[in-house]
């Protein structure tokens, strides 16, 4: 339903108008995060200079130097969190058609850095859902999967567009490395919702020497 003002129609469908408004909010949020990131970077410079001056006159073990070390560490942690949020804010929320389910998000290491070149795979009853595009993570660890549902089979399980009479509406999520080994299994099943969009962010341990297990087929 289109709204009118002064006897004239708005000219934009209500849904499009809402999406445009949300996009404007996201752009404003990104700009503000950029400003905050700049403030944190400037603070890093000031604190580092103060620390160098104090350490030169009072020594590394002086309590004032150690206090500055704590402030520098806290500022760096905040800057890292802001950097993560900046990446998240730049990603538009995908829109799902009535006959598909969209899963998107990020795969990061324990330090919050994005992990590139990994595959986010879906499994139903330990059978992998094949034929999904855009399921490899990019440089930021971002991935996006569009799962067709209407009148099609997902790993041998038919799911109709209305979400009814489905043999299964939950999938298991695994993260695979370049050798197709599972390096992370999301602990909970994820519900498949027709026309739904699910955000899922995962943290993958990257301890050296840790080997993944072969993913189920």
Protein backbone atom coordinates (compact mmCIF):
# COMPACT_ATOMS: atom_id res chain seq x y z
CA UNK A 1 0.00 0.00 0.00
CA UNK A 2 1.45 3.33 -1.02
CA UNK A 3 1.12 6.35 1.23
CA UNK A 4 -0.01 9.76 0.03
CA UNK A 5 0.65 13.31 1.15
CA UNK A 6 -1.15 16.33 -0.22
CA UNK A 7 -3.19 14.09 -2.49
CA UNK A 8 -0.08 12.68 -4.24
CA UNK A 9 1.33 9.20 -3.99
CA UNK A 10 4.78 8.75 -2.53
CA UNK A 11 6.06 7.10 -5.71
CA UNK A 12 8.00 4.43 -3.82
CA UNK A 13 6.62 1.11 -2.61
CA UNK A 14 6.55 0.91 1.16
CA UNK A 15 9.05 -1.97 1.26
CA UNK A 16 11.54 -0.12 -0.95
CA UNK A 17 11.17 2.99 1.17
CA UNK A 18 11.94 1.02 4.33
CA UNK A 19 14.97 -0.63 2.72
CA UNK A 20 16.27 2.76 1.56
CA UNK A 21 15.85 4.13 5.08
CA UNK A 22 17.74 1.20 6.58
CA UNK A 23 20.53 1.65 4.03
CA UNK A 24 20.81 5.31 5.03
CA UNK A 25 21.04 4.32 8.69
CA UNK A 26 23.80 1.82 7.85
CA UNK A 27 25.78 4.48 5.96
CA UNK A 28 25.47 6.85 8.92
CA UNK A 29 26.63 4.08 11.27
CA UNK A 30 29.64 3.30 9.08
CA UNK A 31 30.61 6.99 9.01
CA UNK A 32 30.40 7.25 12.78
CA UNK A 33 32.45 4.09 13.25
CA UNK A 34 35.08 5.52 10.91
CA UNK A 35 35.21 8.64 13.10
CA UNK A 36 35.59 6.58 16.27
CA UNK A 37 38.32 4.47 14.65
CA UNK A 38 40.22 7.66 13.82
CA UNK A 39 39.92 8.84 17.42
CA UNK A 40 41.26 5.51 18.70
CA UNK A 41 44.21 5.68 16.28
CA UNK A 42 45.06 9.21 17.44
CA UNK A 43 44.81 8.09 21.07
CA UNK A 44 47.25 5.27 20.33
CA UNK A 45 49.80 7.80 19.09
CA UNK A 46 49.40 10.08 22.12
CA UNK A 47 49.58 7.25 24.66
CA UNK A 48 52.61 5.70 22.98
CA UNK A 49 54.45 9.02 23.07
CA UNK A 50 53.58 9.52 26.73
CA UNK A 51 54.80 6.04 27.53
CA UNK A 52 58.09 6.53 25.70
CA UNK A 53 58.74 9.78 27.57
CA UNK A 54 57.94 8.30 30.98
CA UNK A 55 59.89 5.12 30.36
CA UNK A 56 62.91 7.20 29.36
CA UNK A 57 62.89 9.18 32.60
CA UNK A 58 61.44 6.73 35.16
CA UNK A 59 62.22 3.31 33.76
CA UNK A 60 60.07 0.47 32.46
CA UNK A 61 59.07 -0.78 35.90
CA UNK A 62 57.63 2.53 37.10
CA UNK A 63 53.92 2.24 38.05
CA UNK A 64 52.99 5.18 35.80
CA UNK A 65 54.53 3.38 32.82
CA UNK A 66 52.69 0.21 33.67
CA UNK A 67 49.45 2.16 34.00
CA UNK A 68 50.00 3.56 30.52
CA UNK A 69 50.63 0.04 29.25
CA UNK A 70 47.21 -0.96 30.57
CA UNK A 71 45.58 2.06 28.88
CA UNK A 72 47.32 1.27 25.60
CA UNK A 73 46.17 -2.36 25.76
CA UNK A 74 42.59 -1.29 26.47
CA UNK A 75 42.65 1.20 23.61
CA UNK A 76 43.95 -1.45 21.20
CA UNK A 77 41.24 -3.89 22.29
CA UNK A 78 38.60 -1.22 21.69
CA UNK A 79 40.12 -0.37 18.30
CA UNK A 80 40.01 -4.04 17.30
CA UNK A 81 36.36 -4.30 18.30
CA UNK A 82 35.57 -1.17 16.30
CA UNK A 83 37.39 -2.55 13.26
CA UNK A 84 35.28 -5.71 13.46
CA UNK A 85 32.10 -3.67 13.74
CA UNK A 86 33.13 -1.50 10.77
CA UNK A 87 33.41 -4.58 8.58
CA UNK A 88 30.05 -5.86 9.82
CA UNK A 89 28.36 -2.50 9.23
CA UNK A 90 29.54 -2.33 5.62
CA UNK A 91 27.77 -5.58 4.72
CA UNK A 92 24.17 -5.02 3.61
CA UNK A 93 21.59 -7.40 5.04
CA UNK A 94 20.67 -9.81 2.21
CA UNK A 95 17.07 -10.28 1.13
CA UNK A 96 15.61 -13.76 0.65
CA UNK A 97 13.00 -14.68 -1.93
CA UNK A 98 9.87 -16.54 -0.74
CA UNK A 99 11.35 -19.87 -1.85
CA UNK A 100 14.82 -19.65 -0.37
CA UNK A 101 16.66 -19.37 2.92
CA UNK A 102 19.71 -17.15 3.29
CA UNK A 103 22.56 -17.79 5.72
CA UNK A 104 25.33 -15.24 6.02
CA UNK A 105 27.93 -14.04 8.47
CA UNK A 106 31.62 -14.16 9.30
CA UNK A 107 34.23 -16.74 10.24
CA UNK A 108 36.97 -15.31 12.46
CA UNK A 109 39.87 -16.51 14.55
CA UNK A 110 40.13 -16.11 18.32
CA UNK A 111 41.67 -12.65 17.85
CA UNK A 112 38.72 -11.46 15.76
CA UNK A 113 40.51 -11.48 12.41
CA UNK A 114 38.58 -12.70 9.37
CA UNK A 115 39.62 -16.06 7.93
CA UNK A 116 39.68 -16.28 4.13
CA UNK A 117 39.37 -19.31 1.87
CA UNK A 118 37.24 -21.48 4.16
CA UNK A 119 34.03 -23.21 3.14
CA UNK A 120 30.82 -22.96 5.14
CA UNK A 121 28.98 -26.23 4.50
CA UNK A 122 25.47 -27.32 5.42
CA UNK A 123 24.57 -30.88 6.42
CA UNK A 124 21.26 -32.65 6.83
CA UNK A 125 21.55 -36.00 8.62
CA UNK A 126 25.32 -35.94 7.98
CA UNK A 127 24.73 -35.52 4.24
CA UNK A 128 26.24 -32.38 2.75
CA UNK A 129 24.00 -29.95 0.86
CA UNK A 130 25.69 -29.51 -2.53
CA UNK A 131 25.38 -26.88 -5.24
CA UNK A 132 25.45 -23.77 -3.05
CA UNK A 133 27.15 -20.63 -4.36
CA UNK A 134 29.13 -18.02 -2.41
CA UNK A 135 29.86 -20.32 0.52
CA UNK A 136 33.62 -19.53 0.59
CA UNK A 137 34.85 -16.85 2.97
CA UNK A 138 36.49 -13.70 1.60
CA UNK A 139 39.35 -11.65 3.06
CA UNK A 140 37.08 -10.43 5.89
CA UNK A 141 35.83 -13.93 6.64
CA UNK A 142 32.44 -13.07 5.12
CA UNK A 143 30.26 -15.73 3.52
CA UNK A 144 26.74 -15.88 2.09
CA UNK A 145 24.67 -18.93 1.16
CA UNK A 146 21.37 -18.92 -0.69
CA UNK A 147 19.55 -22.21 -0.17
CA UNK A 148 16.69 -22.89 -2.62
CA UNK A 149 13.70 -24.51 -0.93
CA UNK A 150 10.53 -24.30 -2.99
CA UNK A 151 9.75 -27.66 -4.55
CA UNK A 152 13.41 -28.71 -4.43
CA UNK A 153 15.37 -31.18 -2.42
CA UNK A 154 17.92 -30.13 0.15
CA UNK A 155 20.23 -33.09 0.75
CA UNK A 156 17.40 -35.44 -0.09
CA UNK A 157 14.89 -33.63 2.12
CA UNK A 158 12.06 -31.79 0.40
CA UNK A 159 11.14 -28.45 1.95
CA UNK A 160 8.19 -26.55 0.53
CA UNK A 161 8.07 -22.76 0.26
CA UNK A 162 5.55 -22.46 3.08
CA UNK A 163 7.79 -24.39 5.43
CA UNK A 164 5.13 -27.09 5.85
CA UNK A 165 5.34 -30.86 5.51
CA UNK A 166 9.10 -30.66 5.73
CA UNK A 167 10.93 -33.80 6.76
CA UNK A 168 13.60 -31.63 8.32
CA UNK A 169 13.96 -27.91 8.86
CA UNK A 170 17.30 -27.90 10.67
CA UNK A 171 20.81 -28.12 9.31
CA UNK A 172 24.24 -28.61 10.84
CA UNK A 173 26.91 -26.03 9.99
CA UNK A 174 30.55 -27.02 9.46
CA UNK A 175 33.54 -24.91 8.47
CA UNK A 176 35.93 -26.72 6.12
CA UNK A 177 39.50 -25.91 5.19
CA UNK A 178 41.03 -26.10 1.70
CA UNK A 179 41.47 -29.88 2.11
CA UNK A 180 37.76 -30.30 2.91
CA UNK A 181 38.53 -31.11 6.53
CA UNK A 182 36.17 -29.88 9.22
CA UNK A 183 37.95 -27.37 11.44
CA UNK A 184 34.82 -26.18 13.23
CA UNK A 185 31.34 -27.57 13.80
CA UNK A 186 28.75 -25.09 15.01
CA UNK A 187 27.41 -26.64 18.23
CA UNK A 188 23.69 -26.12 17.62
CA UNK A 189 21.41 -27.03 14.71
CA UNK A 190 20.23 -24.02 12.72
CA UNK A 191 16.60 -23.68 11.66
CA UNK A 192 15.84 -23.34 7.96
CA UNK A 193 13.11 -20.74 7.45
CA UNK A 194 11.58 -20.11 4.01
CA UNK A 195 12.12 -16.46 3.03
CA UNK A 196 14.19 -16.12 6.20
CA UNK A 197 17.62 -14.55 6.65
CA UNK A 198 19.94 -15.87 9.38
CA UNK A 199 23.11 -14.16 10.58
CA UNK A 200 25.69 -16.57 11.99
CA UNK A 201 29.16 -15.50 13.13
CA UNK A 202 31.61 -18.22 14.07
CA UNK A 203 34.96 -18.26 15.83
CA UNK A 204 37.40 -20.94 14.68
CA UNK A 205 40.39 -21.97 16.81
CA UNK A 206 43.58 -21.67 14.77
CA UNK A 207 46.14 -23.22 17.09
CA UNK A 208 49.22 -24.31 15.17
CA UNK A 209 49.49 -28.00 14.60
CA UNK A 210 45.79 -28.61 15.17
CA UNK A 211 44.43 -30.87 12.45
CA UNK A 212 40.89 -30.91 11.20
CA UNK A 213 38.83 -34.04 10.82
CA UNK A 214 37.44 -35.27 7.57
CA UNK A 215 34.01 -33.78 6.94
CA UNK A 216 31.10 -36.20 6.61
CA UNK A 217 29.86 -36.96 3.11
